């Protein structure tokens, strides 16, 4: 989240992807850093034990939301 905040401060539109386990932590940290509305996409948890094919499926499913998040005019 610190990297995203730094990019936003530099005028680079940014967003992040995290697993659903980190929703509360991500929101709290983005609020603490002064970016409560930073674009974010949460994917299903867990991801660490996923096969390559499962990760591709998760990425494919999240892609439209990620694309929308980075293409929003600010």
N, C-alpha and C. Protein backbone atom coordinates (compact mmCIF):
# COMPACT_ATOMS: atom_id res chain seq x y z
N UNK A 1 0.82 -1.18 0.00
CA UNK A 1 0.00 0.00 0.00
C UNK A 1 0.87 1.25 0.00
N UNK A 2 2.02 1.18 0.64
CA UNK A 2 2.91 2.35 0.64
C UNK A 2 3.36 2.69 -0.77
N UNK A 3 3.65 1.68 -1.58
CA UNK A 3 4.05 1.93 -2.97
C UNK A 3 2.92 2.59 -3.76
N UNK A 4 1.71 2.12 -3.55
CA UNK A 4 0.56 2.69 -4.25
C UNK A 4 0.36 4.14 -3.83
N UNK A 5 0.47 4.43 -2.55
CA UNK A 5 0.34 5.81 -2.05
C UNK A 5 1.42 6.70 -2.67
N UNK A 6 2.65 6.18 -2.74
CA UNK A 6 3.75 6.95 -3.33
C UNK A 6 3.47 7.26 -4.80
N UNK A 7 3.02 6.26 -5.54
CA UNK A 7 2.69 6.48 -6.95
C UNK A 7 1.57 7.51 -7.11
N UNK A 8 0.54 7.39 -6.30
CA UNK A 8 -0.57 8.34 -6.37
C UNK A 8 -0.08 9.77 -6.08
N UNK A 9 0.80 9.92 -5.08
CA UNK A 9 1.35 11.23 -4.76
C UNK A 9 2.16 11.81 -5.91
N UNK A 10 2.74 10.95 -6.74
CA UNK A 10 3.53 11.38 -7.90
C UNK A 10 2.65 11.60 -9.13
N UNK A 11 1.34 11.39 -8.96
CA UNK A 11 0.42 11.62 -10.07
C UNK A 11 0.25 10.42 -10.98
N UNK A 12 0.71 9.25 -10.56
CA UNK A 12 0.58 8.05 -11.35
C UNK A 12 -0.64 7.28 -10.85
N UNK A 13 -1.71 7.23 -11.63
CA UNK A 13 -2.89 6.49 -11.19
C UNK A 13 -2.52 5.04 -10.89
N UNK A 14 -2.95 4.56 -9.75
CA UNK A 14 -2.54 3.24 -9.29
C UNK A 14 -3.70 2.47 -8.69
N UNK A 15 -3.49 1.20 -8.55
CA UNK A 15 -4.46 0.32 -7.88
C UNK A 15 -3.71 -0.90 -7.39
N UNK A 16 -4.36 -1.69 -6.55
CA UNK A 16 -3.71 -2.90 -6.09
C UNK A 16 -4.67 -4.08 -6.10
N UNK A 17 -4.07 -5.26 -6.11
CA UNK A 17 -4.81 -6.52 -6.08
C UNK A 17 -4.34 -7.27 -4.83
N UNK A 18 -5.29 -7.77 -4.06
CA UNK A 18 -4.98 -8.55 -2.87
C UNK A 18 -6.02 -9.65 -2.72
N UNK A 19 -5.72 -10.63 -1.90
CA UNK A 19 -6.72 -11.67 -1.67
C UNK A 19 -7.72 -11.20 -0.63
N UNK A 20 -8.87 -11.82 -0.65
CA UNK A 20 -9.99 -11.40 0.20
C UNK A 20 -9.68 -11.47 1.69
N UNK A 21 -8.67 -12.21 2.06
CA UNK A 21 -8.26 -12.28 3.47
C UNK A 21 -7.79 -10.92 3.99
N UNK A 22 -7.37 -10.04 3.09
CA UNK A 22 -6.75 -8.78 3.48
C UNK A 22 -7.62 -7.56 3.27
N UNK A 23 -8.92 -7.74 3.11
CA UNK A 23 -9.83 -6.62 2.88
C UNK A 23 -9.73 -5.60 4.01
N UNK A 24 -9.92 -6.05 5.24
CA UNK A 24 -9.92 -5.12 6.38
C UNK A 24 -8.58 -4.42 6.52
N UNK A 25 -7.50 -5.18 6.43
CA UNK A 25 -6.16 -4.59 6.57
C UNK A 25 -5.88 -3.59 5.45
N UNK A 26 -6.25 -3.92 4.23
CA UNK A 26 -6.00 -3.03 3.10
C UNK A 26 -6.78 -1.73 3.23
N UNK A 27 -8.02 -1.83 3.63
CA UNK A 27 -8.83 -0.63 3.80
C UNK A 27 -8.27 0.23 4.93
N UNK A 28 -7.92 -0.39 6.04
CA UNK A 28 -7.36 0.36 7.18
C UNK A 28 -6.08 1.06 6.79
N UNK A 29 -5.20 0.35 6.10
CA UNK A 29 -3.92 0.95 5.72
C UNK A 29 -4.10 2.06 4.70
N UNK A 30 -4.98 1.87 3.73
CA UNK A 30 -5.19 2.93 2.74
C UNK A 30 -5.78 4.17 3.39
N UNK A 31 -6.66 3.99 4.36
CA UNK A 31 -7.21 5.13 5.09
C UNK A 31 -6.13 5.81 5.91
N UNK A 32 -5.29 5.04 6.58
CA UNK A 32 -4.21 5.61 7.41
C UNK A 32 -3.21 6.39 6.57
N UNK A 33 -3.03 5.98 5.32
CA UNK A 33 -2.09 6.67 4.44
C UNK A 33 -2.73 7.83 3.67
N UNK A 34 -4.00 8.07 3.91
CA UNK A 34 -4.67 9.19 3.28
C UNK A 34 -5.25 8.90 1.91
N UNK A 35 -5.41 7.64 1.57
CA UNK A 35 -5.96 7.25 0.28
C UNK A 35 -7.12 6.28 0.47
N UNK A 36 -8.19 6.72 1.11
CA UNK A 36 -9.28 5.80 1.41
C UNK A 36 -10.00 5.27 0.18
N UNK A 37 -9.90 5.97 -0.94
CA UNK A 37 -10.63 5.57 -2.14
C UNK A 37 -9.72 4.98 -3.21
N UNK A 38 -8.51 4.57 -2.82
CA UNK A 38 -7.60 3.98 -3.80
C UNK A 38 -8.28 2.78 -4.46
N UNK A 39 -8.06 2.65 -5.75
CA UNK A 39 -8.66 1.54 -6.49
C UNK A 39 -8.05 0.23 -6.02
N UNK A 40 -8.92 -0.77 -5.84
CA UNK A 40 -8.47 -2.06 -5.36
C UNK A 40 -9.37 -3.16 -5.90
N UNK A 41 -8.77 -4.32 -6.06
CA UNK A 41 -9.51 -5.51 -6.48
C UNK A 41 -9.10 -6.64 -5.54
N UNK A 42 -10.09 -7.31 -5.00
CA UNK A 42 -9.82 -8.45 -4.12
C UNK A 42 -10.20 -9.74 -4.83
N UNK A 43 -9.30 -10.70 -4.77
CA UNK A 43 -9.54 -12.01 -5.38
C UNK A 43 -9.72 -13.04 -4.27
N UNK A 44 -10.21 -14.21 -4.65
CA UNK A 44 -10.49 -15.23 -3.64
C UNK A 44 -9.22 -15.68 -2.92
N UNK A 45 -9.40 -16.06 -1.69
CA UNK A 45 -8.31 -16.50 -0.83
C UNK A 45 -8.49 -17.97 -0.54
N UNK A 46 -7.48 -18.74 -0.37
CA UNK A 46 -6.05 -18.42 -0.43
C UNK A 46 -5.52 -18.52 -1.85
N UNK A 47 -4.33 -17.95 -2.04
CA UNK A 47 -3.70 -18.07 -3.36
C UNK A 47 -2.39 -18.83 -3.31
N UNK A 48 -1.78 -18.96 -2.13
CA UNK A 48 -0.43 -19.54 -2.06
C UNK A 48 -0.37 -21.01 -2.46
N UNK A 49 -1.44 -21.75 -2.31
CA UNK A 49 -1.41 -23.18 -2.65
C UNK A 49 -2.06 -23.49 -3.99
N UNK A 50 -2.29 -22.49 -4.78
CA UNK A 50 -2.97 -22.69 -6.07
C UNK A 50 -2.01 -23.21 -7.13
N UNK A 51 -2.56 -23.98 -8.04
CA UNK A 51 -1.77 -24.43 -9.19
C UNK A 51 -1.67 -23.27 -10.18
N UNK A 52 -0.78 -23.43 -11.14
CA UNK A 52 -0.65 -22.40 -12.17
C UNK A 52 -1.98 -22.20 -12.90
N UNK A 53 -2.66 -23.29 -13.22
CA UNK A 53 -3.94 -23.17 -13.93
C UNK A 53 -4.98 -22.44 -13.08
N UNK A 54 -5.00 -22.72 -11.79
CA UNK A 54 -5.94 -22.02 -10.90
C UNK A 54 -5.62 -20.53 -10.83
N UNK A 55 -4.32 -20.19 -10.79
CA UNK A 55 -3.94 -18.78 -10.74
C UNK A 55 -4.32 -18.06 -12.03
N UNK A 56 -4.16 -18.74 -13.15
CA UNK A 56 -4.56 -18.15 -14.42
C UNK A 56 -6.07 -17.91 -14.41
N UNK A 57 -6.84 -18.84 -13.91
CA UNK A 57 -8.30 -18.68 -13.84
C UNK A 57 -8.68 -17.52 -12.93
N UNK A 58 -8.00 -17.38 -11.80
CA UNK A 58 -8.28 -16.26 -10.89
C UNK A 58 -7.94 -14.94 -11.57
N UNK A 59 -6.79 -14.90 -12.23
CA UNK A 59 -6.38 -13.68 -12.93
C UNK A 59 -7.35 -13.34 -14.07
N UNK A 60 -7.73 -14.34 -14.83
CA UNK A 60 -8.69 -14.11 -15.91
C UNK A 60 -10.01 -13.58 -15.38
N UNK A 61 -10.48 -14.13 -14.26
CA UNK A 61 -11.75 -13.68 -13.69
C UNK A 61 -11.65 -12.25 -13.17
N UNK A 62 -10.48 -11.89 -12.64
CA UNK A 62 -10.32 -10.55 -12.06
C UNK A 62 -9.96 -9.49 -13.11
N UNK A 63 -9.51 -9.91 -14.28
CA UNK A 63 -9.01 -8.98 -15.28
C UNK A 63 -9.97 -7.84 -15.63
N UNK A 64 -11.25 -8.10 -15.89
CA UNK A 64 -12.13 -6.98 -16.23
C UNK A 64 -12.23 -5.94 -15.12
N UNK A 65 -12.25 -6.39 -13.87
CA UNK A 65 -12.32 -5.45 -12.75
C UNK A 65 -11.01 -4.68 -12.59
N UNK A 66 -9.89 -5.36 -12.82
CA UNK A 66 -8.58 -4.69 -12.75
C UNK A 66 -8.47 -3.65 -13.86
N UNK A 67 -8.85 -4.03 -15.05
CA UNK A 67 -8.80 -3.10 -16.18
C UNK A 67 -9.68 -1.88 -15.92
N UNK A 68 -10.87 -2.11 -15.40
CA UNK A 68 -11.76 -1.00 -15.08
C UNK A 68 -11.15 -0.09 -14.02
N UNK A 69 -10.49 -0.69 -13.03
CA UNK A 69 -9.89 0.10 -11.96
C UNK A 69 -8.76 0.98 -12.45
N UNK A 70 -7.97 0.51 -13.41
CA UNK A 70 -6.84 1.32 -13.87
C UNK A 70 -7.24 2.28 -14.99
N UNK A 71 -8.42 2.09 -15.56
CA UNK A 71 -8.85 2.95 -16.66
C UNK A 71 -9.82 4.04 -16.21
N UNK A 72 -10.12 4.10 -14.94
CA UNK A 72 -11.03 5.12 -14.43
C UNK A 72 -10.34 6.47 -14.48
N UNK A 73 -10.98 7.45 -15.04
CA UNK A 73 -10.39 8.79 -15.05
C UNK A 73 -10.53 9.41 -13.67
N UNK A 74 -9.46 10.04 -13.24
CA UNK A 74 -9.44 10.61 -11.89
C UNK A 74 -9.39 12.10 -11.93
